[in-house]
PDB file of N, CA and C in Angstrom:
ATOM      1  N   MET A   1     216.294  55.633   9.812  1.00  0.00           N
ATOM      2  CA  MET A   1     216.970  56.516  10.746  1.00  0.00           C
ATOM      3  C   MET A   1     215.929  57.357  11.475  1.00  0.00           C
ATOM      4  N   THR A   2     216.162  57.527  12.738  1.00  0.00           N
ATOM      5  CA  THR A   2     215.278  58.333  13.556  1.00  0.00           C
ATOM      6  C   THR A   2     215.387  59.793  13.134  1.00  0.00           C
ATOM      7  N   ASP A   3     214.247  60.434  12.978  1.00  0.00           N
ATOM      8  CA  ASP A   3     214.232  61.831  12.553  1.00  0.00           C
ATOM      9  C   ASP A   3     214.523  62.741  13.739  1.00  0.00           C
ATOM     10  N   LEU A   4     215.296  63.773  13.496  1.00  0.00           N
ATOM     11  CA  LEU A   4     215.602  64.774  14.510  1.00  0.00           C
ATOM     12  C   LEU A   4     214.562  65.884  14.388  1.00  0.00           C
ATOM     13  N   ASP A   5     213.807  66.122  15.446  1.00  0.00           N
ATOM     14  CA  ASP A   5     212.717  67.095  15.409  1.00  0.00           C
ATOM     15  C   ASP A   5     213.046  68.305  16.265  1.00  0.00           C
ATOM     16  N   PRO A   6     213.403  69.436  15.638  1.00  0.00           N
ATOM     17  CA  PRO A   6     213.749  70.620  16.425  1.00  0.00           C
ATOM     18  C   PRO A   6     212.582  71.180  17.235  1.00  0.00           C
ATOM     19  N   THR A   7     211.371  70.962  16.800  1.00  0.00           N
ATOM     20  CA  THR A   7     210.197  71.474  17.510  1.00  0.00           C
ATOM     21  C   THR A   7     210.113  70.900  18.921  1.00  0.00           C
ATOM     22  N   LEU A   8     210.402  69.622  19.055  1.00  0.00           N
ATOM     23  CA  LEU A   8     210.350  68.993  20.375  1.00  0.00           C
ATOM     24  C   LEU A   8     211.380  69.608  21.320  1.00  0.00           C
ATOM     25  N   ILE A   9     212.547  69.927  20.789  1.00  0.00           N
ATOM     26  CA  ILE A   9     213.604  70.501  21.618  1.00  0.00           C
ATOM     27  C   ILE A   9     213.256  71.936  22.014  1.00  0.00           C
ATOM     28  N   ILE A  10     212.817  72.732  21.054  1.00  0.00           N
ATOM     29  CA  ILE A  10     212.440  74.119  21.354  1.00  0.00           C
ATOM     30  C   ILE A  10     211.310  74.150  22.377  1.00  0.00           C
ATOM     31  N   ASP A  11     210.335  73.253  22.232  1.00  0.00           N
ATOM     32  CA  ASP A  11     209.236  73.182  23.202  1.00  0.00           C
ATOM     33  C   ASP A  11     209.752  72.833  24.598  1.00  0.00           C
ATOM     34  N   ALA A  12     210.693  71.896  24.677  1.00  0.00           N
ATOM     35  CA  ALA A  12     211.256  71.503  25.973  1.00  0.00           C
ATOM     36  C   ALA A  12     212.022  72.663  26.608  1.00  0.00           C
ATOM     37  N   VAL A  13     212.767  73.406  25.821  1.00  0.00           N
ATOM     38  CA  VAL A  13     213.498  74.565  26.337  1.00  0.00           C
ATOM     39  C   VAL A  13     212.508  75.630  26.812  1.00  0.00           C
ATOM     40  N   ALA A  14     211.456  75.843  26.049  1.00  0.00           N
ATOM     41  CA  ALA A  14     210.451  76.857  26.406  1.00  0.00           C
ATOM     42  C   ALA A  14     209.733  76.512  27.713  1.00  0.00           C
ATOM     43  N   ARG A  15     209.586  75.235  28.007  1.00  0.00           N
ATOM     44  CA  ARG A  15     208.906  74.808  29.238  1.00  0.00           C
ATOM     45  C   ARG A  15     209.798  74.918  30.473  1.00  0.00           C
ATOM     46  N   ASP A  16     211.107  74.966  30.277  1.00  0.00           N
ATOM     47  CA  ASP A  16     212.037  75.000  31.404  1.00  0.00           C
ATOM     48  C   ASP A  16     212.312  76.455  31.790  1.00  0.00           C
ATOM     49  N   ARG A  17     211.853  76.851  32.950  1.00  0.00           N
ATOM     50  CA  ARG A  17     211.995  78.246  33.386  1.00  0.00           C
ATOM     51  C   ARG A  17     213.446  78.702  33.432  1.00  0.00           C
ATOM     52  N   ARG A  18     214.369  77.776  33.657  1.00  0.00           N
ATOM     53  CA  ARG A  18     215.794  78.125  33.716  1.00  0.00           C
ATOM     54  C   ARG A  18     216.382  78.410  32.343  1.00  0.00           C
ATOM     55  N   LEU A  19     215.697  77.945  31.277  1.00  0.00           N
ATOM     56  CA  LEU A  19     216.234  78.079  29.922  1.00  0.00           C
ATOM     57  C   LEU A  19     215.441  79.015  29.021  1.00  0.00           C
ATOM     58  N   GLN A  20     214.243  79.384  29.419  1.00  0.00           N
ATOM     59  CA  GLN A  20     213.372  80.209  28.582  1.00  0.00           C
ATOM     60  C   GLN A  20     214.033  81.498  28.116  1.00  0.00           C
ATOM     61  N   ALA A  21     214.864  82.091  28.945  1.00  0.00           N
ATOM     62  CA  ALA A  21     215.483  83.382  28.622  1.00  0.00           C
ATOM     63  C   ALA A  21     216.395  83.308  27.400  1.00  0.00           C
ATOM     64  N   PHE A  22     216.805  82.124  27.015  1.00  0.00           N
ATOM     65  CA  PHE A  22     217.727  81.974  25.894  1.00  0.00           C
ATOM     66  C   PHE A  22     217.001  81.815  24.556  1.00  0.00           C
ATOM     67  N   LEU A  23     215.673  81.758  24.595  1.00  0.00           N
ATOM     68  CA  LEU A  23     214.858  81.618  23.382  1.00  0.00           C
ATOM     69  C   LEU A  23     214.339  82.967  22.913  1.00  0.00           C
ATOM     70  N   VAL A  24     214.391  83.168  21.608  1.00  0.00           N
ATOM     71  CA  VAL A  24     213.782  84.343  20.977  1.00  0.00           C
ATOM     72  C   VAL A  24     213.179  83.864  19.663  1.00  0.00           C
ATOM     73  N   ASN A  25     211.889  84.121  19.483  1.00  0.00           N
ATOM     74  CA  ASN A  25     211.200  83.735  18.247  1.00  0.00           C
ATOM     75  C   ASN A  25     211.402  82.269  17.866  1.00  0.00           C
ATOM     76  N   GLY A  26     211.321  81.389  18.856  1.00  0.00           N
ATOM     77  CA  GLY A  26     211.369  79.963  18.583  1.00  0.00           C
ATOM     78  C   GLY A  26     212.743  79.400  18.265  1.00  0.00           C
ATOM     79  N   ARG A  27     213.796  80.131  18.614  1.00  0.00           N
ATOM     80  CA  ARG A  27     215.166  79.648  18.421  1.00  0.00           C
ATOM     81  C   ARG A  27     215.996  80.004  19.641  1.00  0.00           C
ATOM     82  N   ILE A  28     217.042  79.249  19.856  1.00  0.00           N
ATOM     83  CA  ILE A  28     217.993  79.619  20.887  1.00  0.00           C
ATOM     84  C   ILE A  28     218.793  80.786  20.324  1.00  0.00           C
ATOM     85  N   GLU A  29     218.724  81.910  21.014  1.00  0.00           N
ATOM     86  CA  GLU A  29     219.380  83.122  20.520  1.00  0.00           C
ATOM     87  C   GLU A  29     220.793  83.261  21.067  1.00  0.00           C
ATOM     88  N   THR A  30     220.970  82.909  22.334  1.00  0.00           N
ATOM     89  CA  THR A  30     222.286  82.996  22.950  1.00  0.00           C
ATOM     90  C   THR A  30     222.575  81.712  23.723  1.00  0.00           C
ATOM     91  N   MET A  31     223.846  81.396  23.797  1.00  0.00           N
ATOM     92  CA  MET A  31     224.281  80.243  24.567  1.00  0.00           C
ATOM     93  C   MET A  31     224.529  80.714  26.000  1.00  0.00           C
ATOM     94  N   PRO A  32     224.050  79.978  26.987  1.00  0.00           N
ATOM     95  CA  PRO A  32     224.259  80.389  28.377  1.00  0.00           C
ATOM     96  C   PRO A  32     225.751  80.532  28.700  1.00  0.00           C
ATOM     97  N   ALA A  33     226.104  81.596  29.413  1.00  0.00           N
ATOM     98  CA  ALA A  33     227.491  81.804  29.821  1.00  0.00           C
ATOM     99  C   ALA A  33     227.856  80.891  30.994  1.00  0.00           C
ATOM    100  N   ARG A  34     226.906  80.674  31.882  1.00  0.00           N
ATOM    101  CA  ARG A  34     227.164  79.791  33.032  1.00  0.00           C
ATOM    102  C   ARG A  34     227.194  78.344  32.567  1.00  0.00           C
ATOM    103  N   GLN A  35     228.253  77.656  32.946  1.00  0.00           N
ATOM    104  CA  GLN A  35     228.418  76.281  32.501  1.00  0.00           C
ATOM    105  C   GLN A  35     227.257  75.392  32.940  1.00  0.00           C
ATOM    106  N   SER A  36     226.745  75.592  34.131  1.00  0.00           N
ATOM    107  CA  SER A  36     225.651  74.747  34.611  1.00  0.00           C
ATOM    108  C   SER A  36     224.415  74.895  33.722  1.00  0.00           C
ATOM    109  N   ARG A  37     224.099  76.109  33.323  1.00  0.00           N
ATOM    110  CA  ARG A  37     222.949  76.328  32.443  1.00  0.00           C
ATOM    111  C   ARG A  37     223.236  75.805  31.039  1.00  0.00           C
ATOM    112  N   ARG A  38     224.461  76.018  30.557  1.00  0.00           N
ATOM    113  CA  ARG A  38     224.825  75.534  29.232  1.00  0.00           C
ATOM    114  C   ARG A  38     224.723  74.009  29.176  1.00  0.00           C
ATOM    115  N   ARG A  39     225.212  73.333  30.220  1.00  0.00           N
ATOM    116  CA  ARG A  39     225.118  71.872  30.248  1.00  0.00           C
ATOM    117  C   ARG A  39     223.658  71.410  30.309  1.00  0.00           C
ATOM    118  N   LEU A  40     222.832  72.142  31.030  1.00  0.00           N
ATOM    119  CA  LEU A  40     221.408  71.825  31.092  1.00  0.00           C
ATOM    120  C   LEU A  40     220.781  71.951  29.703  1.00  0.00           C
ATOM    121  N   LEU A  41     221.101  73.027  29.003  1.00  0.00           N
ATOM    122  CA  LEU A  41     220.587  73.232  27.645  1.00  0.00           C
ATOM    123  C   LEU A  41     221.097  72.145  26.697  1.00  0.00           C
ATOM    124  N   LEU A  42     222.380  71.821  26.782  1.00  0.00           N
ATOM    125  CA  LEU A  42     222.942  70.781  25.913  1.00  0.00           C
ATOM    126  C   LEU A  42     222.300  69.421  26.190  1.00  0.00           C
ATOM    127  N   ASP A  43     221.991  69.164  27.445  1.00  0.00           N
ATOM    128  CA  ASP A  43     221.327  67.911  27.795  1.00  0.00           C
ATOM    129  C   ASP A  43     219.952  67.824  27.147  1.00  0.00           C
ATOM    130  N   VAL A  44     219.219  68.940  27.155  1.00  0.00           N
ATOM    131  CA  VAL A  44     217.907  68.966  26.501  1.00  0.00           C
ATOM    132  C   VAL A  44     218.071  68.695  24.998  1.00  0.00           C
ATOM    133  N   ILE A  45     219.038  69.337  24.375  1.00  0.00           N
ATOM    134  CA  ILE A  45     219.268  69.152  22.935  1.00  0.00           C
ATOM    135  C   ILE A  45     219.679  67.709  22.637  1.00  0.00           C
ATOM    136  N   ALA A  46     220.501  67.137  23.489  1.00  0.00           N
ATOM    137  CA  ALA A  46     220.960  65.754  23.275  1.00  0.00           C
ATOM    138  C   ALA A  46     219.809  64.754  23.285  1.00  0.00           C
ATOM    139  N   GLN A  47     218.699  65.107  23.940  1.00  0.00           N
ATOM    140  CA  GLN A  47     217.545  64.203  23.989  1.00  0.00           C
ATOM    141  C   GLN A  47     216.980  63.904  22.596  1.00  0.00           C
ATOM    142  N   ALA A  48     217.267  64.762  21.625  1.00  0.00           N
ATOM    143  CA  ALA A  48     216.768  64.538  20.260  1.00  0.00           C
ATOM    144  C   ALA A  48     217.465  63.368  19.580  1.00  0.00           C
ATOM    145  N   PHE A  49     218.645  63.025  20.043  1.00  0.00           N
ATOM    146  CA  PHE A  49     219.443  61.970  19.420  1.00  0.00           C
ATOM    147  C   PHE A  49     219.176  60.638  20.104  1.00  0.00           C
ATOM    148  N   GLU A  50     218.737  59.689  19.332  1.00  0.00           N
ATOM    149  CA  GLU A  50     218.421  58.380  19.884  1.00  0.00           C
ATOM    150  C   GLU A  50     219.697  57.589  20.128  1.00  0.00           C
ATOM    151  N   PRO A  51     219.881  57.065  21.351  1.00  0.00           N
ATOM    152  CA  PRO A  51     221.068  56.253  21.621  1.00  0.00           C
ATOM    153  C   PRO A  51     221.160  55.073  20.648  1.00  0.00           C
ATOM    154  N   GLY A  52     222.373  54.800  20.196  1.00  0.00           N
ATOM    155  CA  GLY A  52     222.601  53.673  19.300  1.00  0.00           C
ATOM    156  C   GLY A  52     222.448  53.997  17.827  1.00  0.00           C
ATOM    157  N   ILE A  53     222.010  55.207  17.512  1.00  0.00           N
ATOM    158  CA  ILE A  53     221.831  55.616  16.117  1.00  0.00           C
ATOM    159  C   ILE A  53     222.964  56.559  15.739  1.00  0.00           C
ATOM    160  N   ARG A  54     223.550  56.342  14.567  1.00  0.00           N
ATOM    161  CA  ARG A  54     224.590  57.236  14.045  1.00  0.00           C
ATOM    162  C   ARG A  54     223.952  58.176  13.030  1.00  0.00           C
ATOM    163  N   TYR A  55     224.306  59.441  13.152  1.00  0.00           N
ATOM    164  CA  TYR A  55     223.737  60.485  12.305  1.00  0.00           C
ATOM    165  C   TYR A  55     224.846  61.104  11.470  1.00  0.00           C
ATOM    166  N   PRO A  56     224.626  61.266  10.156  1.00  0.00           N
ATOM    167  CA  PRO A  56     225.639  61.936   9.333  1.00  0.00           C
ATOM    168  C   PRO A  56     225.782  63.407   9.738  1.00  0.00           C
ATOM    169  N   GLU A  57     226.991  63.926   9.592  1.00  0.00           N
ATOM    170  CA  GLU A  57     227.278  65.300  10.003  1.00  0.00           C
ATOM    171  C   GLU A  57     226.342  66.303   9.347  1.00  0.00           C
ATOM    172  N   ARG A  58     226.031  66.099   8.105  1.00  0.00           N
ATOM    173  CA  ARG A  58     225.144  67.036   7.407  1.00  0.00           C
ATOM    174  C   ARG A  58     223.774  67.113   8.082  1.00  0.00           C
ATOM    175  N   ARG A  59     223.232  65.971   8.463  1.00  0.00           N
ATOM    176  CA  ARG A  59     221.914  65.945   9.120  1.00  0.00           C
ATOM    177  C   ARG A  59     221.978  66.617  10.491  1.00  0.00           C
ATOM    178  N   VAL A  60     223.053  66.361  11.221  1.00  0.00           N
ATOM    179  CA  VAL A  60     223.223  66.982  12.534  1.00  0.00           C
ATOM    180  C   VAL A  60     223.313  68.502  12.371  1.00  0.00           C
ATOM    181  N   SER A  61     224.078  68.967  11.402  1.00  0.00           N
ATOM    182  CA  SER A  61     224.228  70.396  11.161  1.00  0.00           C
ATOM    183  C   SER A  61     222.905  71.046  10.766  1.00  0.00           C
ATOM    184  N   GLN A  62     222.141  70.381   9.922  1.00  0.00           N
ATOM    185  CA  GLN A  62     220.833  70.912   9.523  1.00  0.00           C
ATOM    186  C   GLN A  62     219.913  71.045  10.733  1.00  0.00           C
ATOM    187  N   PHE A  63     219.852  70.018  11.532  1.00  0.00           N
ATOM    188  CA  PHE A  63     219.020  70.015  12.729  1.00  0.00           C
ATOM    189  C   PHE A  63     219.424  71.131  13.690  1.00  0.00           C
ATOM    190  N   LEU A  64     220.717  71.200  13.998  1.00  0.00           N
ATOM    191  CA  LEU A  64     221.200  72.202  14.939  1.00  0.00           C
ATOM    192  C   LEU A  64     221.040  73.617  14.387  1.00  0.00           C
ATOM    193  N   GLY A  65     221.135  73.775  13.067  1.00  0.00           N
ATOM    194  CA  GLY A  65     220.973  75.081  12.446  1.00  0.00           C
ATOM    195  C   GLY A  65     219.572  75.646  12.598  1.00  0.00           C
ATOM    196  N   VAL A  66     218.588  74.785  12.717  1.00  0.00           N
ATOM    197  CA  VAL A  66     217.212  75.241  12.952  1.00  0.00           C
ATOM    198  C   VAL A  66     217.067  75.750  14.388  1.00  0.00           C
ATOM    199  N   ILE A  67     217.816  75.160  15.295  1.00  0.00           N
ATOM    200  CA  ILE A  67     217.734  75.500  16.713  1.00  0.00           C
ATOM    201  C   ILE A  67     218.560  76.731  17.061  1.00  0.00           C
ATOM    202  N   TYR A  68     219.765  76.839  16.454  1.00  0.00           N
ATOM    203  CA  TYR A  68     220.734  77.870  16.852  1.00  0.00           C
ATOM    204  C   TYR A  68     221.541  78.280  15.628  1.00  0.00           C
ATOM    205  N   ALA A  69     221.707  79.578  15.423  1.00  0.00           N
ATOM    206  CA  ALA A  69     222.357  80.081  14.214  1.00  0.00           C
ATOM    207  C   ALA A  69     223.785  79.558  14.050  1.00  0.00           C
ATOM    208  N   ASP A  70     224.554  79.512  15.115  1.00  0.00           N
ATOM    209  CA  ASP A  70     225.931  79.034  15.038  1.00  0.00           C
ATOM    210  C   ASP A  70     225.960  77.535  15.322  1.00  0.00           C
ATOM    211  N   PHE A  71     225.459  76.773  14.360  1.00  0.00           N
ATOM    212  CA  PHE A  71     225.319  75.328  14.557  1.00  0.00           C
ATOM    213  C   PHE A  71     226.657  74.636  14.755  1.00  0.00           C
ATOM    214  N   ALA A  72     227.728  75.153  14.146  1.00  0.00           N
ATOM    215  CA  ALA A  72     229.043  74.526  14.298  1.00  0.00           C
ATOM    216  C   ALA A  72     229.524  74.624  15.751  1.00  0.00           C
ATOM    217  N   SER A  73     229.315  75.775  16.377  1.00  0.00           N
ATOM    218  CA  SER A  73     229.693  75.921  17.787  1.00  0.00           C
ATOM    219  C   SER A  73     228.836  75.020  18.668  1.00  0.00           C
ATOM    220  N   LEU A  74     227.553  74.952  18.380  1.00  0.00           N
ATOM    221  CA  LEU A  74     226.655  74.099  19.155  1.00  0.00           C
ATOM    222  C   LEU A  74     227.076  72.639  19.026  1.00  0.00           C
ATOM    223  N   ARG A  75     227.402  72.220  17.823  1.00  0.00           N
ATOM    224  CA  ARG A  75     227.873  70.844  17.590  1.00  0.00           C
ATOM    225  C   ARG A  75     229.153  70.592  18.399  1.00  0.00           C
ATOM    226  N   ARG A  76     230.058  71.565  18.397  1.00  0.00           N
ATOM    227  CA  ARG A  76     231.311  71.445  19.149  1.00  0.00           C
ATOM    228  C   ARG A  76     231.037  71.358  20.647  1.00  0.00           C
ATOM    229  N   TYR A  77     230.133  72.202  21.154  1.00  0.00           N
ATOM    230  CA  TYR A  77     229.760  72.120  22.573  1.00  0.00           C
ATOM    231  C   TYR A  77     229.248  70.720  22.926  1.00  0.00           C
ATOM    232  N   LEU A  78     228.385  70.185  22.091  1.00  0.00           N
ATOM    233  CA  LEU A  78     227.816  68.860  22.362  1.00  0.00           C
ATOM    234  C   LEU A  78     228.894  67.783  22.418  1.00  0.00           C
ATOM    235  N   VAL A  79     229.891  67.885  21.566  1.00  0.00           N
ATOM    236  CA  VAL A  79     230.993  66.915  21.557  1.00  0.00           C
ATOM    237  C   VAL A  79     231.934  67.181  22.730  1.00  0.00           C
ATOM    238  N   ASP A  80     232.327  68.435  22.922  1.00  0.00           N
ATOM    239  CA  ASP A  80     233.263  68.770  23.999  1.00  0.00           C
ATOM    240  C   ASP A  80     232.718  68.425  25.380  1.00  0.00           C
ATOM    241  N   GLU A  81     231.415  68.600  25.562  1.00  0.00           N
ATOM    242  CA  GLU A  81     230.792  68.286  26.852  1.00  0.00           C
ATOM    243  C   GLU A  81     230.342  66.821  26.940  1.00  0.00           C
ATOM    244  N   GLU A  82     230.699  66.027  25.930  1.00  0.00           N
ATOM    245  CA  GLU A  82     230.492  64.570  25.886  1.00  0.00           C
ATOM    246  C   GLU A  82     229.028  64.137  25.859  1.00  0.00           C
ATOM    247  N   PHE A  83     228.193  64.968  25.232  1.00  0.00           N
ATOM    248  CA  PHE A  83     226.818  64.556  24.976  1.00  0.00           C
ATOM    249  C   PHE A  83     226.752  63.765  23.675  1.00  0.00           C
ATOM    250  N   LEU A  84     227.593  64.142  22.705  1.00  0.00           N
ATOM    251  CA  LEU A  84     227.714  63.435  21.432  1.00  0.00           C
ATOM    252  C   LEU A  84     229.161  63.032  21.225  1.00  0.00           C
ATOM    253  N   SER A  85     229.357  61.956  20.479  1.00  0.00           N
ATOM    254  CA  SER A  85     230.685  61.545  20.032  1.00  0.00           C
ATOM    255  C   SER A  85     230.713  61.631  18.522  1.00  0.00           C
ATOM    256  N   ARG A  86     231.932  61.693  17.977  1.00  0.00           N
ATOM    257  CA  ARG A  86     232.078  61.890  16.537  1.00  0.00           C
ATOM    258  C   ARG A  86     233.230  61.053  16.013  1.00  0.00           C
ATOM    259  N   ALA A  87     233.012  60.445  14.840  1.00  0.00           N
ATOM    260  CA  ALA A  87     234.066  59.728  14.118  1.00  0.00           C
ATOM    261  C   ALA A  87     233.614  59.534  12.680  1.00  0.00           C
ATOM    262  N   ASP A  88     234.545  59.698  11.756  1.00  0.00           N
ATOM    263  CA  ASP A  88     234.283  59.432  10.337  1.00  0.00           C
ATOM    264  C   ASP A  88     233.051  60.159   9.802  1.00  0.00           C
ATOM    265  N   GLY A  89     232.846  61.394  10.233  1.00  0.00           N
ATOM    266  CA  GLY A  89     231.738  62.196   9.733  1.00  0.00           C
ATOM    267  C   GLY A  89     230.377  61.791  10.262  1.00  0.00           C
ATOM    268  N   GLU A  90     230.357  61.010  11.319  1.00  0.00           N
ATOM    269  CA  GLU A  90     229.096  60.606  11.939  1.00  0.00           C
ATOM    270  C   GLU A  90     229.093  60.995  13.413  1.00  0.00           C
ATOM    271  N   TYR A  91     227.899  61.250  13.914  1.00  0.00           N
ATOM    272  CA  TYR A  91     227.708  61.625  15.315  1.00  0.00           C
ATOM    273  C   TYR A  91     226.726  60.652  15.952  1.00  0.00           C
ATOM    274  N   TRP A  92     226.920  60.403  17.240  1.00  0.00           N
ATOM    275  CA  TRP A  92     225.985  59.583  17.980  1.00  0.00           C
ATOM    276  C   TRP A  92     225.964  60.069  19.428  1.00  0.00           C
ATOM    277  N   ARG A  93     224.852  59.783  20.064  1.00  0.00           N
ATOM    278  CA  ARG A  93     224.675  60.211  21.458  1.00  0.00           C
ATOM    279  C   ARG A  93     225.510  59.330  22.365  1.00  0.00           C
ATOM    280  N   SER A  94     226.299  59.975  23.210  1.00  0.00           N
ATOM    281  CA  SER A  94     227.174  59.230  24.100  1.00  0.00           C
ATOM    282  C   SER A  94     227.043  59.686  25.555  1.00  0.00           C
ATOM    283  N   GLY A  95     226.116  60.598  25.818  1.00  0.00           N
ATOM    284  CA  GLY A  95     225.932  61.084  27.185  1.00  0.00           C
ATOM    285  C   GLY A  95     224.581  61.745  27.333  1.00  0.00           C
ATOM    286  N   GLY A  96     224.401  62.332  28.500  1.00  0.00           N
ATOM    287  CA  GLY A  96     223.147  63.017  28.772  1.00  0.00           C
ATOM    288  C   GLY A  96     222.180  62.159  29.539  1.00  0.00           C
ATOM    289  N   SER A  97     221.099  62.789  29.928  1.00  0.00           N
ATOM    290  CA  SER A  97     220.061  62.102  30.696  1.00  0.00           C
ATOM    291  C   SER A  97     219.305  61.113  29.831  1.00  0.00           C
ATOM    292  N   VAL A  98     218.828  60.079  30.479  1.00  0.00           N
ATOM    293  CA  VAL A  98     217.971  59.111  29.806  1.00  0.00           C
ATOM    294  C   VAL A  98     216.577  59.266  30.407  1.00  0.00           C
ATOM    295  N   LEU A  99     215.640  59.652  29.559  1.00  0.00           N
ATOM    296  CA  LEU A  99     214.261  59.826  30.025  1.00  0.00           C
ATOM    297  C   LEU A  99     213.567  58.488  30.101  1.00  0.00           C
ATOM    298  N   SER A 100     212.810  58.282  31.149  1.00  0.00           N
ATOM    299  CA  SER A 100     212.096  57.009  31.279  1.00  0.00           C
ATOM    300  C   SER A 100     210.633  57.174  30.992  1.00  0.00           C
TER     301      SER A 100
END
């Protein structure tokens, strides 16, 4: 299984001038109120999930918990905004940008 690396995501958020304000001490401190910024942030986070790989809920929660304190809300945002899909306690990437 592909490992989920929170460091890569935090680094990507830190490099994006539109998202830097949401980071404090190497974690996402607040979720953007503007939907456009929130979707941009969720897209960056979704990049950690390899297409075609299913991840158990526990692993997803652990990963998201390192990035953001309210990991359950973050997980819900990712599903509601169709970056991740969920069934039978597993998550997989179903949307977002594809980096070339």
